[in-house]
Amino acid sequence: MATTDHKQRRPYLQVFAALTVLTAIEVGVAALAIDKTVQIVVLLALAAAKATLVALFFMHLRYDHHILAIIGGFPLLLVVIMIVILMADRVSSGQ
């Protein structure tokens, strides 16, 4: 029984460790003196990675039907497109 319980907890502990590492990287990137546009892009990518891990494992979407990934992925694709457009506007305006 203890072995089965340990095997069920292992993925959650690995995701927790990954989220911890990603958060530490975010703090490090925020403290760096780099171009703000690059900093924002890196922080958004790290936040997206963390959100994906949370959705897949803690919301149990990893084990659901693939059609749900398509249904959830389409609005996410639209958000990414909007972010890219807004970032392009920011870069072109020189901010």
PDB file of N, CA and C in Angstrom:
ATOM      1  N   MET A   1       0.818  -1.197   0.000  1.00  0.00           N
ATOM      2  CA  MET A   1       0.000   0.000   0.000  1.00  0.00           C
ATOM      3  C   MET A   1       0.862   1.260   0.000  1.00  0.00           C
ATOM      4  N   ALA A   2       1.920   1.275   0.788  1.00  0.00           N
ATOM      5  CA  ALA A   2       2.778   2.451   0.859  1.00  0.00           C
ATOM      6  C   ALA A   2       3.479   2.695  -0.475  1.00  0.00           C
ATOM      7  N   THR A   3       3.823   1.630  -1.185  1.00  0.00           N
ATOM      8  CA  THR A   3       4.500   1.786  -2.467  1.00  0.00           C
ATOM      9  C   THR A   3       3.563   2.424  -3.482  1.00  0.00           C
ATOM     10  N   THR A   4       2.312   2.021  -3.512  1.00  0.00           N
ATOM     11  CA  THR A   4       1.338   2.587  -4.431  1.00  0.00           C
ATOM     12  C   THR A   4       1.112   4.063  -4.115  1.00  0.00           C
ATOM     13  N   ASP A   5       1.003   4.403  -2.836  1.00  0.00           N
ATOM     14  CA  ASP A   5       0.799   5.782  -2.423  1.00  0.00           C
ATOM     15  C   ASP A   5       1.996   6.641  -2.834  1.00  0.00           C
ATOM     16  N   HIS A   6       3.195   6.098  -2.699  1.00  0.00           N
ATOM     17  CA  HIS A   6       4.408   6.826  -3.078  1.00  0.00           C
ATOM     18  C   HIS A   6       4.444   7.065  -4.587  1.00  0.00           C
ATOM     19  N   LYS A   7       4.029   6.082  -5.376  1.00  0.00           N
ATOM     20  CA  LYS A   7       4.025   6.235  -6.834  1.00  0.00           C
ATOM     21  C   LYS A   7       3.000   7.260  -7.282  1.00  0.00           C
ATOM     22  N   GLN A   8       1.898   7.387  -6.547  1.00  0.00           N
ATOM     23  CA  GLN A   8       0.877   8.367  -6.910  1.00  0.00           C
ATOM     24  C   GLN A   8       1.310   9.787  -6.561  1.00  0.00           C
ATOM     25  N   ARG A   9       2.112   9.951  -5.536  1.00  0.00           N
ATOM     26  CA  ARG A   9       2.562  11.278  -5.121  1.00  0.00           C
ATOM     27  C   ARG A   9       3.753  11.778  -5.933  1.00  0.00           C
ATOM     28  N   ARG A  10       4.511  10.876  -6.511  1.00  0.00           N
ATOM     29  CA  ARG A  10       5.749  11.257  -7.188  1.00  0.00           C
ATOM     30  C   ARG A  10       5.550  12.308  -8.284  1.00  0.00           C
ATOM     31  N   PRO A  11       4.579  12.153  -9.200  1.00  0.00           N
ATOM     32  CA  PRO A  11       4.421  13.204 -10.227  1.00  0.00           C
ATOM     33  C   PRO A  11       4.102  14.575  -9.631  1.00  0.00           C
ATOM     34  N   TYR A  12       3.315  14.595  -8.568  1.00  0.00           N
ATOM     35  CA  TYR A  12       2.972  15.867  -7.951  1.00  0.00           C
ATOM     36  C   TYR A  12       4.187  16.518  -7.311  1.00  0.00           C
ATOM     37  N   LEU A  13       5.035  15.724  -6.708  1.00  0.00           N
ATOM     38  CA  LEU A  13       6.252  16.269  -6.119  1.00  0.00           C
ATOM     39  C   LEU A  13       7.210  16.762  -7.202  1.00  0.00           C
ATOM     40  N   GLN A  14       7.263  16.059  -8.331  1.00  0.00           N
ATOM     41  CA  GLN A  14       8.102  16.508  -9.434  1.00  0.00           C
ATOM     42  C   GLN A  14       7.582  17.814 -10.023  1.00  0.00           C
ATOM     43  N   VAL A  15       6.275  17.939 -10.154  1.00  0.00           N
ATOM     44  CA  VAL A  15       5.688  19.183 -10.661  1.00  0.00           C
ATOM     45  C   VAL A  15       5.927  20.306  -9.666  1.00  0.00           C
ATOM     46  N   PHE A  16       5.796  20.025  -8.385  1.00  0.00           N
ATOM     47  CA  PHE A  16       6.075  21.027  -7.358  1.00  0.00           C
ATOM     48  C   PHE A  16       7.520  21.504  -7.460  1.00  0.00           C
ATOM     49  N   ALA A  17       8.447  20.566  -7.630  1.00  0.00           N
ATOM     50  CA  ALA A  17       9.862  20.940  -7.767  1.00  0.00           C
ATOM     51  C   ALA A  17      10.079  21.776  -9.028  1.00  0.00           C
ATOM     52  N   ALA A  18       9.435  21.402 -10.119  1.00  0.00           N
ATOM     53  CA  ALA A  18       9.571  22.163 -11.365  1.00  0.00           C
ATOM     54  C   ALA A  18       9.003  23.577 -11.205  1.00  0.00           C
ATOM     55  N   LEU A  19       7.857  23.692 -10.538  1.00  0.00           N
ATOM     56  CA  LEU A  19       7.273  25.013 -10.302  1.00  0.00           C
ATOM     57  C   LEU A  19       8.175  25.865  -9.416  1.00  0.00           C
ATOM     58  N   THR A  20       8.803  25.246  -8.446  1.00  0.00           N
ATOM     59  CA  THR A  20       9.730  25.960  -7.568  1.00  0.00           C
ATOM     60  C   THR A  20      10.925  26.476  -8.354  1.00  0.00           C
ATOM     61  N   VAL A  21      11.474  25.632  -9.208  1.00  0.00           N
ATOM     62  CA  VAL A  21      12.630  26.030 -10.020  1.00  0.00           C
ATOM     63  C   VAL A  21      12.235  27.149 -10.984  1.00  0.00           C
ATOM     64  N   LEU A  22      11.083  27.020 -11.634  1.00  0.00           N
ATOM     65  CA  LEU A  22      10.635  28.058 -12.555  1.00  0.00           C
ATOM     66  C   LEU A  22      10.402  29.391 -11.836  1.00  0.00           C
ATOM     67  N   THR A  23       9.878  29.344 -10.628  1.00  0.00           N
ATOM     68  CA  THR A  23       9.681  30.563  -9.850  1.00  0.00           C
ATOM     69  C   THR A  23      11.018  31.201  -9.495  1.00  0.00           C
ATOM     70  N   ALA A  24      11.990  30.378  -9.119  1.00  0.00           N
ATOM     71  CA  ALA A  24      13.323  30.907  -8.813  1.00  0.00           C
ATOM     72  C   ALA A  24      13.947  31.555 -10.052  1.00  0.00           C
ATOM     73  N   ILE A  25      13.744  30.952 -11.202  1.00  0.00           N
ATOM     74  CA  ILE A  25      14.254  31.530 -12.449  1.00  0.00           C
ATOM     75  C   ILE A  25      13.560  32.862 -12.729  1.00  0.00           C
ATOM     76  N   GLU A  26      12.254  32.933 -12.486  1.00  0.00           N
ATOM     77  CA  GLU A  26      11.520  34.189 -12.684  1.00  0.00           C
ATOM     78  C   GLU A  26      12.066  35.295 -11.796  1.00  0.00           C
ATOM     79  N   VAL A  27      12.327  34.978 -10.550  1.00  0.00           N
ATOM     80  CA  VAL A  27      12.878  35.975  -9.633  1.00  0.00           C
ATOM     81  C   VAL A  27      14.252  36.434 -10.124  1.00  0.00           C
ATOM     82  N   GLY A  28      15.059  35.486 -10.607  1.00  0.00           N
ATOM     83  CA  GLY A  28      16.378  35.836 -11.127  1.00  0.00           C
ATOM     84  C   GLY A  28      16.298  36.713 -12.361  1.00  0.00           C
ATOM     85  N   VAL A  29      15.385  36.389 -13.263  1.00  0.00           N
ATOM     86  CA  VAL A  29      15.220  37.184 -14.483  1.00  0.00           C
ATOM     87  C   VAL A  29      14.728  38.586 -14.133  1.00  0.00           C
ATOM     88  N   ALA A  30      13.829  38.690 -13.170  1.00  0.00           N
ATOM     89  CA  ALA A  30      13.308  40.006 -12.779  1.00  0.00           C
ATOM     90  C   ALA A  30      14.401  40.866 -12.160  1.00  0.00           C
ATOM     91  N   ALA A  31      15.387  40.248 -11.530  1.00  0.00           N
ATOM     92  CA  ALA A  31      16.457  40.994 -10.884  1.00  0.00           C
ATOM     93  C   ALA A  31      17.569  41.386 -11.863  1.00  0.00           C
ATOM     94  N   LEU A  32      17.612  40.771 -13.037  1.00  0.00           N
ATOM     95  CA  LEU A  32      18.655  41.079 -14.010  1.00  0.00           C
ATOM     96  C   LEU A  32      18.434  42.443 -14.647  1.00  0.00           C
ATOM     97  N   ALA A  33      19.522  43.078 -14.999  1.00  0.00           N
ATOM     98  CA  ALA A  33      19.452  44.372 -15.680  1.00  0.00           C
ATOM     99  C   ALA A  33      19.534  44.135 -17.182  1.00  0.00           C
ATOM    100  N   ILE A  34      18.427  43.660 -17.750  1.00  0.00           N
ATOM    101  CA  ILE A  34      18.375  43.401 -19.189  1.00  0.00           C
ATOM    102  C   ILE A  34      17.274  44.252 -19.799  1.00  0.00           C
ATOM    103  N   ASP A  35      17.217  44.252 -21.116  1.00  0.00           N
ATOM    104  CA  ASP A  35      16.194  45.002 -21.835  1.00  0.00           C
ATOM    105  C   ASP A  35      14.803  44.574 -21.357  1.00  0.00           C
ATOM    106  N   LYS A  36      13.936  45.540 -21.123  1.00  0.00           N
ATOM    107  CA  LYS A  36      12.597  45.254 -20.589  1.00  0.00           C
ATOM    108  C   LYS A  36      11.778  44.363 -21.510  1.00  0.00           C
ATOM    109  N   THR A  37      11.927  44.544 -22.811  1.00  0.00           N
ATOM    110  CA  THR A  37      11.157  43.725 -23.740  1.00  0.00           C
ATOM    111  C   THR A  37      11.570  42.266 -23.633  1.00  0.00           C
ATOM    112  N   VAL A  38      12.864  42.022 -23.579  1.00  0.00           N
ATOM    113  CA  VAL A  38      13.362  40.650 -23.429  1.00  0.00           C
ATOM    114  C   VAL A  38      12.916  40.081 -22.092  1.00  0.00           C
ATOM    115  N   GLN A  39      12.994  40.885 -21.067  1.00  0.00           N
ATOM    116  CA  GLN A  39      12.588  40.450 -19.731  1.00  0.00           C
ATOM    117  C   GLN A  39      11.106  40.053 -19.710  1.00  0.00           C
ATOM    118  N   ILE A  40      10.268  40.858 -20.336  1.00  0.00           N
ATOM    119  CA  ILE A  40       8.832  40.567 -20.375  1.00  0.00           C
ATOM    120  C   ILE A  40       8.553  39.287 -21.146  1.00  0.00           C
ATOM    121  N   VAL A  41       9.215  39.111 -22.273  1.00  0.00           N
ATOM    122  CA  VAL A  41       9.004  37.900 -23.077  1.00  0.00           C
ATOM    123  C   VAL A  41       9.423  36.658 -22.289  1.00  0.00           C
ATOM    124  N   VAL A  42      10.560  36.714 -21.622  1.00  0.00           N
ATOM    125  CA  VAL A  42      11.037  35.563 -20.841  1.00  0.00           C
ATOM    126  C   VAL A  42      10.089  35.281 -19.683  1.00  0.00           C
ATOM    127  N   LEU A  43       9.653  36.326 -18.992  1.00  0.00           N
ATOM    128  CA  LEU A  43       8.739  36.129 -17.863  1.00  0.00           C
ATOM    129  C   LEU A  43       7.389  35.583 -18.319  1.00  0.00           C
ATOM    130  N   LEU A  44       6.898  36.029 -19.473  1.00  0.00           N
ATOM    131  CA  LEU A  44       5.647  35.487 -19.998  1.00  0.00           C
ATOM    132  C   LEU A  44       5.796  34.020 -20.384  1.00  0.00           C
ATOM    133  N   ALA A  45       6.931  33.663 -20.960  1.00  0.00           N
ATOM    134  CA  ALA A  45       7.165  32.263 -21.323  1.00  0.00           C
ATOM    135  C   ALA A  45       7.243  31.384 -20.076  1.00  0.00           C
ATOM    136  N   LEU A  46       7.913  31.855 -19.048  1.00  0.00           N
ATOM    137  CA  LEU A  46       7.992  31.090 -17.806  1.00  0.00           C
ATOM    138  C   LEU A  46       6.617  30.962 -17.147  1.00  0.00           C
ATOM    139  N   ALA A  47       5.839  32.042 -17.170  1.00  0.00           N
ATOM    140  CA  ALA A  47       4.484  31.997 -16.601  1.00  0.00           C
ATOM    141  C   ALA A  47       3.601  31.025 -17.379  1.00  0.00           C
ATOM    142  N   ALA A  48       3.757  30.995 -18.699  1.00  0.00           N
ATOM    143  CA  ALA A  48       2.983  30.052 -19.511  1.00  0.00           C
ATOM    144  C   ALA A  48       3.370  28.616 -19.199  1.00  0.00           C
ATOM    145  N   ALA A  49       4.648  28.371 -18.993  1.00  0.00           N
ATOM    146  CA  ALA A  49       5.108  27.023 -18.641  1.00  0.00           C
ATOM    147  C   ALA A  49       4.537  26.595 -17.287  1.00  0.00           C
ATOM    148  N   LYS A  50       4.545  27.518 -16.328  1.00  0.00           N
ATOM    149  CA  LYS A  50       3.987  27.200 -15.016  1.00  0.00           C
ATOM    150  C   LYS A  50       2.479  26.958 -15.090  1.00  0.00           C
ATOM    151  N   ALA A  51       1.773  27.771 -15.845  1.00  0.00           N
ATOM    152  CA  ALA A  51       0.328  27.594 -15.992  1.00  0.00           C
ATOM    153  C   ALA A  51       0.010  26.261 -16.659  1.00  0.00           C
ATOM    154  N   THR A  52       0.821  25.885 -17.628  1.00  0.00           N
ATOM    155  CA  THR A  52       0.618  24.599 -18.303  1.00  0.00           C
ATOM    156  C   THR A  52       0.807  23.444 -17.332  1.00  0.00           C
ATOM    157  N   LEU A  53       1.851  23.501 -16.523  1.00  0.00           N
ATOM    158  CA  LEU A  53       2.073  22.439 -15.536  1.00  0.00           C
ATOM    159  C   LEU A  53       0.915  22.338 -14.548  1.00  0.00           C
ATOM    160  N   VAL A  54       0.452  23.467 -14.067  1.00  0.00           N
ATOM    161  CA  VAL A  54      -0.664  23.464 -13.119  1.00  0.00           C
ATOM    162  C   VAL A  54      -1.918  22.889 -13.770  1.00  0.00           C
ATOM    163  N   ALA A  55      -2.210  23.315 -14.985  1.00  0.00           N
ATOM    164  CA  ALA A  55      -3.414  22.827 -15.665  1.00  0.00           C
ATOM    165  C   ALA A  55      -3.323  21.333 -15.953  1.00  0.00           C
ATOM    166  N   LEU A  56      -2.170  20.880 -16.404  1.00  0.00           N
ATOM    167  CA  LEU A  56      -2.033  19.472 -16.766  1.00  0.00           C
ATOM    168  C   LEU A  56      -2.109  18.545 -15.567  1.00  0.00           C
ATOM    169  N   PHE A  57      -1.437  18.894 -14.490  1.00  0.00           N
ATOM    170  CA  PHE A  57      -1.337  17.956 -13.382  1.00  0.00           C
ATOM    171  C   PHE A  57      -2.335  18.227 -12.266  1.00  0.00           C
ATOM    172  N   PHE A  58      -2.429  19.454 -11.790  1.00  0.00           N
ATOM    173  CA  PHE A  58      -3.291  19.720 -10.650  1.00  0.00           C
ATOM    174  C   PHE A  58      -4.758  19.837 -11.046  1.00  0.00           C
ATOM    175  N   MET A  59      -5.027  20.166 -12.303  1.00  0.00           N
ATOM    176  CA  MET A  59      -6.405  20.190 -12.783  1.00  0.00           C
ATOM    177  C   MET A  59      -6.738  18.905 -13.541  1.00  0.00           C
ATOM    178  N   HIS A  60      -5.788  17.987 -13.597  1.00  0.00           N
ATOM    179  CA  HIS A  60      -5.949  16.645 -14.175  1.00  0.00           C
ATOM    180  C   HIS A  60      -6.321  16.672 -15.652  1.00  0.00           C
ATOM    181  N   LEU A  61      -5.910  17.697 -16.368  1.00  0.00           N
ATOM    182  CA  LEU A  61      -6.206  17.767 -17.798  1.00  0.00           C
ATOM    183  C   LEU A  61      -5.327  16.824 -18.608  1.00  0.00           C
ATOM    184  N   ARG A  62      -4.237  16.394 -18.029  1.00  0.00           N
ATOM    185  CA  ARG A  62      -3.336  15.476 -18.729  1.00  0.00           C
ATOM    186  C   ARG A  62      -4.023  14.151 -19.032  1.00  0.00           C
ATOM    187  N   TYR A  63      -4.977  13.786 -18.221  1.00  0.00           N
ATOM    188  CA  TYR A  63      -5.618  12.486 -18.350  1.00  0.00           C
ATOM    189  C   TYR A  63      -6.984  12.565 -19.042  1.00  0.00           C
ATOM    190  N   ASP A  64      -7.399  13.749 -19.476  1.00  0.00           N
ATOM    191  CA  ASP A  64      -8.684  13.911 -20.155  1.00  0.00           C
ATOM    192  C   ASP A  64      -8.543  13.668 -21.650  1.00  0.00           C
ATOM    193  N   HIS A  65      -9.667  13.733 -22.339  1.00  0.00           N
ATOM    194  CA  HIS A  65      -9.675  13.532 -23.784  1.00  0.00           C
ATOM    195  C   HIS A  65      -8.906  14.653 -24.489  1.00  0.00           C
ATOM    196  N   HIS A  66      -8.364  14.336 -25.641  1.00  0.00           N
ATOM    197  CA  HIS A  66      -7.563  15.304 -26.387  1.00  0.00           C
ATOM    198  C   HIS A  66      -8.406  16.434 -26.965  1.00  0.00           C
ATOM    199  N   ILE A  67      -9.687  16.213 -27.131  1.00  0.00           N
ATOM    200  CA  ILE A  67     -10.550  17.272 -27.657  1.00  0.00           C
ATOM    201  C   ILE A  67     -10.592  18.454 -26.695  1.00  0.00           C
ATOM    202  N   LEU A  68     -10.452  18.194 -25.398  1.00  0.00           N
ATOM    203  CA  LEU A  68     -10.427  19.283 -24.425  1.00  0.00           C
ATOM    204  C   LEU A  68      -9.179  20.142 -24.596  1.00  0.00           C
ATOM    205  N   ALA A  69      -8.074  19.530 -25.012  1.00  0.00           N
ATOM    206  CA  ALA A  69      -6.862  20.303 -25.278  1.00  0.00           C
ATOM    207  C   ALA A  69      -7.074  21.236 -26.453  1.00  0.00           C
ATOM    208  N   ILE A  70      -7.800  20.771 -27.442  1.00  0.00           N
ATOM    209  CA  ILE A  70      -8.090  21.618 -28.607  1.00  0.00           C
ATOM    210  C   ILE A  70      -9.035  22.752 -28.214  1.00  0.00           C
ATOM    211  N   ILE A  71     -10.047  22.421 -27.431  1.00  0.00           N
ATOM    212  CA  ILE A  71     -11.009  23.433 -26.995  1.00  0.00           C
ATOM    213  C   ILE A  71     -10.316  24.480 -26.114  1.00  0.00           C
ATOM    214  N   GLY A  72      -9.450  24.049 -25.239  1.00  0.00           N
ATOM    215  CA  GLY A  72      -8.726  24.980 -24.372  1.00  0.00           C
ATOM    216  C   GLY A  72      -7.564  25.651 -25.063  1.00  0.00           C
ATOM    217  N   GLY A  73      -6.999  25.003 -26.055  1.00  0.00           N
ATOM    218  CA  GLY A  73      -5.828  25.540 -26.736  1.00  0.00           C
ATOM    219  C   GLY A  73      -6.141  26.650 -27.714  1.00  0.00           C
ATOM    220  N   PHE A  74      -7.318  26.633 -28.311  1.00  0.00           N
ATOM    221  CA  PHE A  74      -7.668  27.658 -29.285  1.00  0.00           C
ATOM    222  C   PHE A  74      -7.720  29.057 -28.666  1.00  0.00           C
ATOM    223  N   PRO A  75      -8.417  29.256 -27.543  1.00  0.00           N
ATOM    224  CA  PRO A  75      -8.375  30.589 -26.921  1.00  0.00           C
ATOM    225  C   PRO A  75      -6.967  30.958 -26.462  1.00  0.00           C
ATOM    226  N   LEU A  76      -6.208  29.973 -26.035  1.00  0.00           N
ATOM    227  CA  LEU A  76      -4.834  30.243 -25.641  1.00  0.00           C
ATOM    228  C   LEU A  76      -4.012  30.729 -26.832  1.00  0.00           C
ATOM    229  N   LEU A  77      -4.246  30.143 -27.981  1.00  0.00           N
ATOM    230  CA  LEU A  77      -3.579  30.588 -29.207  1.00  0.00           C
ATOM    231  C   LEU A  77      -3.946  32.038 -29.518  1.00  0.00           C
ATOM    232  N   LEU A  78      -5.198  32.385 -29.328  1.00  0.00           N
ATOM    233  CA  LEU A  78      -5.622  33.771 -29.557  1.00  0.00           C
ATOM    234  C   LEU A  78      -4.943  34.729 -28.580  1.00  0.00           C
ATOM    235  N   VAL A  79      -4.784  34.320 -27.336  1.00  0.00           N
ATOM    236  CA  VAL A  79      -4.087  35.148 -26.351  1.00  0.00           C
ATOM    237  C   VAL A  79      -2.637  35.357 -26.769  1.00  0.00           C
ATOM    238  N   VAL A  80      -1.986  34.294 -27.212  1.00  0.00           N
ATOM    239  CA  VAL A  80      -0.592  34.403 -27.653  1.00  0.00           C
ATOM    240  C   VAL A  80      -0.487  35.362 -28.836  1.00  0.00           C
ATOM    241  N   ILE A  81      -1.409  35.267 -29.769  1.00  0.00           N
ATOM    242  CA  ILE A  81      -1.399  36.171 -30.917  1.00  0.00           C
ATOM    243  C   ILE A  81      -1.566  37.628 -30.461  1.00  0.00           C
ATOM    244  N   MET A  82      -2.468  37.858 -29.531  1.00  0.00           N
ATOM    245  CA  MET A  82      -2.668  39.216 -29.018  1.00  0.00           C
ATOM    246  C   MET A  82      -1.424  39.731 -28.300  1.00  0.00           C
ATOM    247  N   ILE A  83      -0.772  38.874 -27.524  1.00  0.00           N
ATOM    248  CA  ILE A  83       0.446  39.287 -26.826  1.00  0.00           C
ATOM    249  C   ILE A  83       1.534  39.639 -27.824  1.00  0.00           C
ATOM    250  N   VAL A  84       1.680  38.837 -28.868  1.00  0.00           N
ATOM    251  CA  VAL A  84       2.686  39.120 -29.889  1.00  0.00           C
ATOM    252  C   VAL A  84       2.383  40.452 -30.574  1.00  0.00           C
ATOM    253  N   ILE A  85       1.135  40.719 -30.877  1.00  0.00           N
ATOM    254  CA  ILE A  85       0.761  41.983 -31.505  1.00  0.00           C
ATOM    255  C   ILE A  85       1.069  43.156 -30.578  1.00  0.00           C
ATOM    256  N   LEU A  86       0.719  43.011 -29.307  1.00  0.00           N
ATOM    257  CA  LEU A  86       0.988  44.094 -28.359  1.00  0.00           C
ATOM    258  C   LEU A  86       2.487  44.300 -28.143  1.00  0.00           C
ATOM    259  N   MET A  87       3.254  43.221 -28.116  1.00  0.00           N
ATOM    260  CA  MET A  87       4.704  43.345 -27.961  1.00  0.00           C
ATOM    261  C   MET A  87       5.310  44.006 -29.193  1.00  0.00           C
ATOM    262  N   ALA A  88       4.804  43.674 -30.376  1.00  0.00           N
ATOM    263  CA  ALA A  88       5.301  44.308 -31.596  1.00  0.00           C
ATOM    264  C   ALA A  88       4.994  45.801 -31.578  1.00  0.00           C
ATOM    265  N   ASP A  89       3.822  46.169 -31.070  1.00  0.00           N
ATOM    266  CA  ASP A  89       3.465  47.576 -30.957  1.00  0.00           C
ATOM    267  C   ASP A  89       4.387  48.284 -29.970  1.00  0.00           C
ATOM    268  N   ARG A  90       4.708  47.636 -28.879  1.00  0.00           N
ATOM    269  CA  ARG A  90       5.599  48.213 -27.873  1.00  0.00           C
ATOM    270  C   ARG A  90       6.988  48.429 -28.440  1.00  0.00           C
ATOM    271  N   VAL A  91       7.493  47.453 -29.177  1.00  0.00           N
ATOM    272  CA  VAL A  91       8.827  47.570 -29.760  1.00  0.00           C
ATOM    273  C   VAL A  91       8.853  48.674 -30.819  1.00  0.00           C
ATOM    274  N   SER A  92       7.809  48.740 -31.644  1.00  0.00           N
ATOM    275  CA  SER A  92       7.790  49.749 -32.711  1.00  0.00           C
ATOM    276  C   SER A  92       7.626  51.166 -32.163  1.00  0.00           C
ATOM    277  N   SER A  93       7.003  51.315 -30.997  1.00  0.00           N
ATOM    278  CA  SER A  93       6.824  52.638 -30.424  1.00  0.00           C
ATOM    279  C   SER A  93       8.056  53.095 -29.642  1.00  0.00           C
ATOM    280  N   GLY A  94       9.002  52.188 -29.427  1.00  0.00           N
ATOM    281  CA  GLY A  94      10.257  52.559 -28.782  1.00  0.00           C
ATOM    282  C   GLY A  94      10.208  52.624 -27.279  1.00  0.00           C
ATOM    283  N   GLN A  95       9.258  51.969 -26.661  1.00  0.00           N
ATOM    284  CA  GLN A  95       9.176  51.998 -25.188  1.00  0.00           C
ATOM    285  C   GLN A  95      10.044  50.974 -24.575  1.00  0.00           C
TER     286      GLN A  95
END
